[in-house]
Amino acid sequence: MGNVQPTIVPYEDFDVTADIKALRMACKGFGTDEEAIIQILANRSAAQRVEIKQAYFEKYDDELEEVLKKELTGSFENAVVAMLEPPHIYFAKELRKAMKGAGTDEDVLVEILCTATNEDILCYKDTYAKVHERDLEADIEDDTSGDVRNLLMSLLQASRDGGYDVDEGLAEQDAASLIEAGEGRFGTDESTFNFILTRRNYLQLQATFKVYESLSGTDILDTIDSEATGTLKDCYITLVRCAKNPQLYFARRLNAAMKGLGTDEDTLIRLIVGRSEIDLETVKDMYLEKYDVTLKDALDSECGGDFKRLLIQILH
């Protein structure tokens, strides 16, 4: 939406042969040259990194991913492995990981699905089936329940209006429906929220939220905060924030990953690697505007070692 900027663009002087030789050298002998690995991976686009992976295998008969896994550890290893996947495959794997084993990491499902475009959703469904030989909708249906399941299933239909037109009459109608569904009665009527938040285009939703506030005297986020709970509340807040400003949503999510005790390094990887070729430069701007500190300085104080150096290099 609007004019958003990435931090990683295709490297102009890309020389796949030179890159695979340098990576081979970085992993040979005693010790690993992490700096060389960082400089190459963080300055190549995802498509170029996939090319490197293929060329490496063809020349050395070794999987680059396996070679690097042997040499690296921890979050640095996880971030490097994430960078060697095409983004849609990486996200399909993250969705699967969120539902595997005991318990479901609903935060990850919300972050990926509630911020996705129709194209993203269709691509995730397709890739998920190819990579995992499973059906994303069936897995989400099995792993979630109640209103959250209904909302995520609505999103998986990829039925959001793809246009940029705003119908003021519809905004007034939707705002009135949301007020009736959310305030002034015991329990919130989820189906109205679901329908409007998953079907309307972002500009239409912005217009609806303005009318909502003028009619009810309340910001819709405050209503959601007082009326909804748990994961459903997270879904609604994510959808509303994304409709208003997706990059600000990601900035908030990065900040939350670094707040309090311990750092949620998986979320940092997902957002910094995952948004690097989409809108990370704009997310950086939003971060500074919102928190009065650069994202780079925040990472600098919260992360360490090669992991930190890699993330900061991706930020450029």
Protein backbone atom coordinates (compact mmCIF):
# COMPACT_ATOMS: atom_id res chain seq x y z
CA MET A 1 0.00 0.00 0.00
CA GLY A 2 1.33 3.37 -0.95
CA ASN A 3 5.00 3.92 -1.45
CA VAL A 4 6.95 1.40 0.61
CA GLN A 5 10.65 0.64 0.34
CA PRO A 6 12.70 -2.53 0.89
CA THR A 7 16.21 -2.67 2.41
CA ILE A 8 17.46 -5.49 0.16
CA VAL A 9 17.39 -5.17 -3.61
CA PRO A 10 19.08 -7.40 -6.20
CA TYR A 11 22.86 -6.95 -6.05
CA GLU A 12 23.98 -5.21 -9.25
CA ASP A 13 27.40 -6.84 -9.61
CA PHE A 14 26.09 -10.29 -8.80
CA ASP A 15 28.66 -12.98 -9.61
CA VAL A 16 27.35 -16.34 -8.48
CA THR A 17 30.68 -18.12 -9.09
CA ALA A 18 32.60 -15.65 -6.93
CA ASP A 19 29.93 -15.93 -4.20
CA ILE A 20 29.98 -19.72 -3.97
CA LYS A 21 33.80 -19.73 -3.87
CA ALA A 22 33.77 -17.16 -1.07
CA LEU A 23 31.17 -19.16 0.88
CA ARG A 24 33.19 -22.36 0.37
CA MET A 25 36.29 -20.60 1.72
CA ALA A 26 34.34 -19.18 4.66
CA CYS A 27 33.42 -22.68 5.82
CA LYS A 28 36.76 -24.41 5.19
CA GLY A 29 39.58 -25.11 7.61
CA PHE A 30 39.64 -24.02 11.24
CA GLY A 31 36.95 -21.61 12.30
CA THR A 32 34.25 -20.08 10.16
CA ASP A 33 34.42 -16.67 8.52
CA GLU A 34 31.02 -15.45 9.68
CA GLU A 35 31.62 -11.94 8.39
CA ALA A 36 32.04 -13.21 4.81
CA ILE A 37 28.77 -15.18 5.10
CA ILE A 38 26.94 -12.11 6.43
CA GLN A 39 28.31 -9.80 3.73
CA ILE A 40 27.18 -12.11 0.94
CA LEU A 41 23.75 -13.18 2.22
CA ALA A 42 22.59 -9.78 3.50
CA ASN A 43 23.50 -8.06 0.23
CA ARG A 44 21.82 -10.46 -2.20
CA SER A 45 18.12 -10.72 -3.01
CA ALA A 46 16.21 -13.90 -2.15
CA ALA A 47 16.24 -14.93 -5.82
CA GLN A 48 20.02 -14.43 -5.96
CA ARG A 49 20.47 -16.44 -2.75
CA VAL A 50 18.46 -19.31 -4.27
CA GLU A 51 20.73 -19.12 -7.33
CA ILE A 52 23.76 -19.31 -5.02
CA LYS A 53 22.28 -22.38 -3.32
CA GLN A 54 21.75 -24.16 -6.66
CA ALA A 55 25.18 -23.24 -8.05
CA TYR A 56 26.86 -24.35 -4.83
CA PHE A 57 25.25 -27.77 -5.08
CA GLU A 58 26.13 -28.13 -8.76
CA LYS A 59 29.78 -27.25 -8.19
CA TYR A 60 30.53 -28.93 -4.85
CA ASP A 61 27.84 -31.62 -4.65
CA ASP A 62 27.03 -30.30 -1.18
CA GLU A 63 23.86 -28.62 0.10
CA LEU A 64 24.88 -25.11 1.15
CA GLU A 65 22.21 -25.15 3.85
CA GLU A 66 23.68 -28.33 5.41
CA VAL A 67 27.23 -27.00 5.19
CA LEU A 68 26.23 -23.77 6.97
CA LYS A 69 24.15 -25.64 9.58
CA LYS A 70 27.28 -27.61 10.56
CA GLU A 71 29.28 -24.41 10.96
CA LEU A 72 26.75 -22.13 12.66
CA THR A 73 24.58 -22.29 15.77
CA GLY A 74 21.58 -20.71 17.47
CA SER A 75 19.63 -17.79 16.11
CA PHE A 76 22.39 -16.90 13.66
CA GLU A 77 22.02 -20.35 12.10
CA ASN A 78 18.21 -20.02 12.04
CA ALA A 79 18.41 -16.61 10.34
CA VAL A 80 20.87 -17.85 7.71
CA VAL A 81 18.69 -20.90 6.95
CA ALA A 82 15.66 -18.57 6.64
CA MET A 83 17.58 -16.45 4.12
CA LEU A 84 18.28 -19.47 1.92
CA GLU A 85 14.57 -20.15 1.37
CA PRO A 86 12.43 -18.27 -1.14
CA PRO A 87 10.12 -16.11 1.05
CA HIS A 88 6.88 -17.97 0.22
CA ILE A 89 8.47 -21.31 1.16
CA TYR A 90 9.87 -19.82 4.36
CA PHE A 91 6.41 -18.53 5.36
CA ALA A 92 4.76 -21.85 4.49
CA LYS A 93 7.28 -23.58 6.77
CA GLU A 94 6.67 -21.06 9.56
CA LEU A 95 2.91 -21.72 9.34
CA ARG A 96 3.54 -25.46 9.61
CA LYS A 97 5.96 -24.99 12.50
CA ALA A 98 3.32 -22.93 14.33
CA MET A 99 0.88 -25.86 14.21
CA LYS A 100 3.20 -28.83 14.68
CA GLY A 101 3.47 -30.74 17.93
CA ALA A 102 1.62 -29.91 21.12
CA GLY A 103 -0.09 -26.55 21.21
CA THR A 104 -0.42 -24.01 18.43
CA ASP A 105 1.57 -20.80 18.21
CA GLU A 106 -1.42 -18.65 17.37
CA ASP A 107 0.64 -15.44 17.46
CA VAL A 108 2.54 -16.63 14.39
CA LEU A 109 -0.65 -17.60 12.54
CA VAL A 110 -2.12 -14.18 13.31
CA GLU A 111 1.04 -12.30 12.29
CA ILE A 112 1.36 -14.11 8.96
CA LEU A 113 -2.29 -14.52 7.94
CA CYS A 114 -3.81 -11.27 9.23
CA THR A 115 -1.18 -9.20 7.39
CA ALA A 116 -1.27 -11.14 4.11
CA THR A 117 -2.65 -9.90 0.79
CA ASN A 118 -4.98 -12.11 -1.26
CA GLU A 119 -2.00 -13.01 -3.47
CA ASP A 120 0.06 -13.96 -0.40
CA ILE A 121 -2.71 -16.20 0.94
CA LEU A 122 -3.17 -18.04 -2.36
CA CYS A 123 0.59 -18.44 -2.65
CA TYR A 124 0.90 -19.76 0.94
CA LYS A 125 -1.89 -22.29 0.35
CA ASP A 126 -0.28 -23.51 -2.85
CA THR A 127 3.25 -23.64 -1.41
CA TYR A 128 2.07 -25.29 1.81
CA ALA A 129 0.50 -28.09 -0.22
CA LYS A 130 3.65 -28.55 -2.32
CA VAL A 131 6.16 -28.41 0.55
CA HIS A 132 4.21 -30.30 3.22
CA GLU A 133 1.77 -32.36 1.12
CA ARG A 134 -0.95 -31.08 3.44
CA ASP A 135 -3.86 -28.69 3.17
CA LEU A 136 -3.36 -25.37 4.98
CA GLU A 137 -7.09 -24.81 5.50
CA ALA A 138 -7.60 -28.29 6.93
CA ASP A 139 -4.64 -27.87 9.29
CA ILE A 140 -5.85 -24.49 10.53
CA GLU A 141 -9.35 -25.88 10.97
CA ASP A 142 -7.93 -28.73 13.09
CA ASP A 143 -5.55 -26.60 15.13
CA THR A 144 -7.75 -23.64 16.04
CA SER A 145 -11.26 -23.36 17.39
CA GLY A 146 -14.28 -21.10 17.78
CA ASP A 147 -14.21 -17.50 16.61
CA VAL A 148 -10.48 -17.54 15.88
CA ARG A 149 -10.94 -20.49 13.55
CA ASN A 150 -13.85 -18.73 11.81
CA LEU A 151 -11.79 -15.59 11.32
CA LEU A 152 -8.69 -17.39 9.99
CA MET A 153 -10.86 -19.51 7.68
CA SER A 154 -12.45 -16.29 6.34
CA LEU A 155 -8.98 -14.87 5.66
CA LEU A 156 -7.93 -18.06 3.87
CA GLN A 157 -10.72 -17.49 1.33
CA ALA A 158 -8.66 -14.52 0.07
CA SER A 159 -11.85 -12.55 -0.57
CA ARG A 160 -10.65 -9.08 0.40
CA ASP A 161 -11.64 -6.42 -2.13
CA GLY A 162 -8.45 -5.76 -4.07
CA GLY A 163 -9.28 -2.23 -5.16
CA TYR A 164 -8.56 1.23 -3.75
CA ASP A 165 -12.02 2.72 -4.11
CA VAL A 166 -13.83 4.11 -1.10
CA ASP A 167 -17.63 3.98 -0.91
CA GLU A 168 -18.63 6.48 1.78
CA GLY A 169 -22.17 5.09 1.98
CA LEU A 170 -20.82 1.61 2.63
CA ALA A 171 -18.42 3.01 5.24
CA GLU A 172 -21.39 4.49 7.13
CA GLN A 173 -23.36 1.27 6.82
CA ASP A 174 -20.41 -0.88 8.00
CA ALA A 175 -19.60 1.49 10.87
CA ALA A 176 -23.22 1.29 12.08
CA SER A 177 -23.12 -2.54 11.83
CA LEU A 178 -19.86 -2.66 13.81
CA ILE A 179 -21.27 -0.40 16.51
CA GLU A 180 -24.37 -2.55 16.79
CA ALA A 181 -22.25 -5.72 16.82
CA GLY A 182 -19.66 -4.53 19.31
CA GLU A 183 -21.17 -2.11 21.80
CA GLY A 184 -24.31 -1.90 23.77
CA ARG A 185 -25.02 -5.58 24.07
CA PHE A 186 -23.66 -8.49 26.01
CA GLY A 187 -21.08 -10.32 23.89
CA THR A 188 -19.77 -9.16 20.55
CA ASP A 189 -21.29 -10.31 17.28
CA GLU A 190 -18.16 -11.84 15.78
CA SER A 191 -19.57 -12.60 12.33
CA THR A 192 -20.08 -8.89 11.55
CA PHE A 193 -16.51 -8.04 12.58
CA ASN A 194 -15.17 -11.03 10.63
CA PHE A 195 -17.01 -10.16 7.46
CA ILE A 196 -16.07 -6.49 7.39
CA LEU A 197 -12.46 -6.87 8.54
CA THR A 198 -11.66 -9.69 6.09
CA ARG A 199 -13.58 -8.47 3.00
CA ARG A 200 -13.13 -4.70 2.67
CA ASN A 201 -10.08 -3.05 1.14
CA TYR A 202 -7.74 -1.17 3.48
CA LEU A 203 -8.77 2.33 2.34
CA GLN A 204 -12.44 1.40 2.73
CA LEU A 205 -11.69 0.18 6.27
CA GLN A 206 -9.87 3.41 7.11
CA ALA A 207 -12.97 5.35 6.05
CA THR A 208 -15.16 2.97 8.10
CA PHE A 209 -13.02 3.45 11.24
CA LYS A 210 -13.30 7.26 10.89
CA VAL A 211 -17.10 7.08 10.66
CA TYR A 212 -17.11 4.58 13.54
CA GLU A 213 -15.26 7.02 15.75
CA SER A 214 -17.45 9.97 14.82
CA LEU A 215 -20.66 7.97 15.43
CA SER A 216 -19.61 6.23 18.63
CA GLY A 217 -17.08 8.65 20.09
CA THR A 218 -14.73 5.69 20.53
CA ASP A 219 -11.70 4.52 18.55
CA ILE A 220 -12.49 1.05 17.21
CA LEU A 221 -9.28 -0.29 18.81
CA ASP A 222 -10.61 0.75 22.24
CA THR A 223 -13.88 -1.08 21.59
CA ILE A 224 -11.98 -4.22 20.53
CA ASP A 225 -9.77 -3.90 23.59
CA SER A 226 -12.74 -3.84 25.95
CA GLU A 227 -15.04 -6.29 24.11
CA ALA A 228 -12.75 -9.03 22.75
CA THR A 229 -10.25 -11.28 24.52
CA GLY A 230 -7.36 -13.62 23.82
CA THR A 231 -6.28 -14.55 20.32
CA LEU A 232 -9.46 -13.18 18.75
CA LYS A 233 -8.59 -9.76 20.16
CA ASP A 234 -5.07 -10.09 18.70
CA CYS A 235 -6.58 -10.96 15.30
CA TYR A 236 -8.89 -7.93 15.30
CA ILE A 237 -6.18 -5.55 16.49
CA THR A 238 -3.78 -6.85 13.83
CA LEU A 239 -6.39 -6.48 11.08
CA VAL A 240 -7.31 -2.93 12.17
CA ARG A 241 -3.67 -1.84 12.57
CA CYS A 242 -2.77 -3.33 9.19
CA ALA A 243 -5.65 -1.53 7.52
CA LYS A 244 -4.44 1.74 9.04
CA ASN A 245 -0.69 1.29 8.51
CA PRO A 246 0.90 -2.14 7.97
CA GLN A 247 4.47 -0.90 8.44
CA LEU A 248 3.60 0.62 11.81
CA TYR A 249 2.08 -2.73 12.81
CA PHE A 250 5.38 -4.47 11.96
CA ALA A 251 7.34 -1.82 13.88
CA ARG A 252 5.17 -2.48 16.94
CA ARG A 253 5.64 -6.21 16.54
CA LEU A 254 9.43 -5.80 16.39
CA ASN A 255 9.36 -3.63 19.48
CA ALA A 256 7.27 -6.20 21.37
CA ALA A 257 9.76 -8.93 20.37
CA MET A 258 12.53 -6.99 22.13
CA LYS A 259 10.61 -5.81 25.19
CA GLY A 260 10.80 -7.32 28.64
CA LEU A 261 12.85 -10.32 29.63
CA GLY A 262 14.47 -12.20 26.79
CA THR A 263 14.17 -11.44 23.10
CA ASP A 264 11.84 -13.28 20.75
CA GLU A 265 14.51 -13.97 18.15
CA ASP A 266 12.23 -16.07 15.92
CA THR A 267 9.92 -13.09 15.44
CA LEU A 268 12.89 -10.82 14.68
CA ILE A 269 14.02 -13.27 11.99
CA ARG A 270 10.52 -13.63 10.52
CA LEU A 271 9.99 -9.88 10.26
CA ILE A 272 13.47 -8.66 9.35
CA VAL A 273 14.24 -11.41 6.83
CA GLY A 274 10.59 -11.70 5.71
CA ARG A 275 10.00 -7.96 5.10
CA SER A 276 13.51 -7.09 3.81
CA GLU A 277 12.51 -7.11 0.13
CA ILE A 278 9.02 -5.71 0.69
CA ASP A 279 8.87 -2.74 3.07
CA LEU A 280 11.58 -3.00 5.74
CA GLU A 281 13.02 0.44 4.94
CA THR A 282 9.56 1.93 5.62
CA VAL A 283 9.20 -0.20 8.77
CA LYS A 284 12.51 1.34 9.97
CA ASP A 285 11.07 4.84 9.42
CA MET A 286 7.93 3.93 11.36
CA TYR A 287 10.01 2.45 14.18
CA LEU A 288 12.00 5.64 14.61
CA GLU A 289 8.86 7.78 14.43
CA LYS A 290 7.03 5.66 17.02
CA TYR A 291 9.83 4.83 19.49
CA ASP A 292 12.28 7.69 19.01
CA VAL A 293 15.12 5.22 18.60
CA THR A 294 16.36 3.61 15.40
CA LEU A 295 15.58 -0.07 14.83
CA LYS A 296 19.33 -0.58 14.41
CA ASP A 297 20.08 0.83 17.89
CA ALA A 298 17.25 -1.23 19.39
CA LEU A 299 18.69 -4.44 17.88
CA ASP A 300 22.16 -3.36 18.90
CA SER A 301 21.17 -3.27 22.56
CA GLU A 302 18.92 -6.37 22.55
CA CYS A 303 20.80 -8.88 20.38
CA GLY A 304 24.37 -10.07 20.27
CA GLY A 305 27.11 -11.64 18.20
CA ASP A 306 26.82 -12.70 14.58
CA PHE A 307 23.01 -12.79 14.82
CA LYS A 308 22.99 -9.08 15.59
CA ARG A 309 25.54 -8.32 12.87
CA LEU A 310 23.47 -10.17 10.28
CA LEU A 311 20.20 -8.41 11.20
CA ILE A 312 21.87 -5.01 11.22
CA GLN A 313 23.44 -5.73 7.82
CA ILE A 314 19.98 -6.64 6.45
CA LEU A 315 18.69 -3.28 7.70
CA HIS A 316 21.40 -1.50 5.67
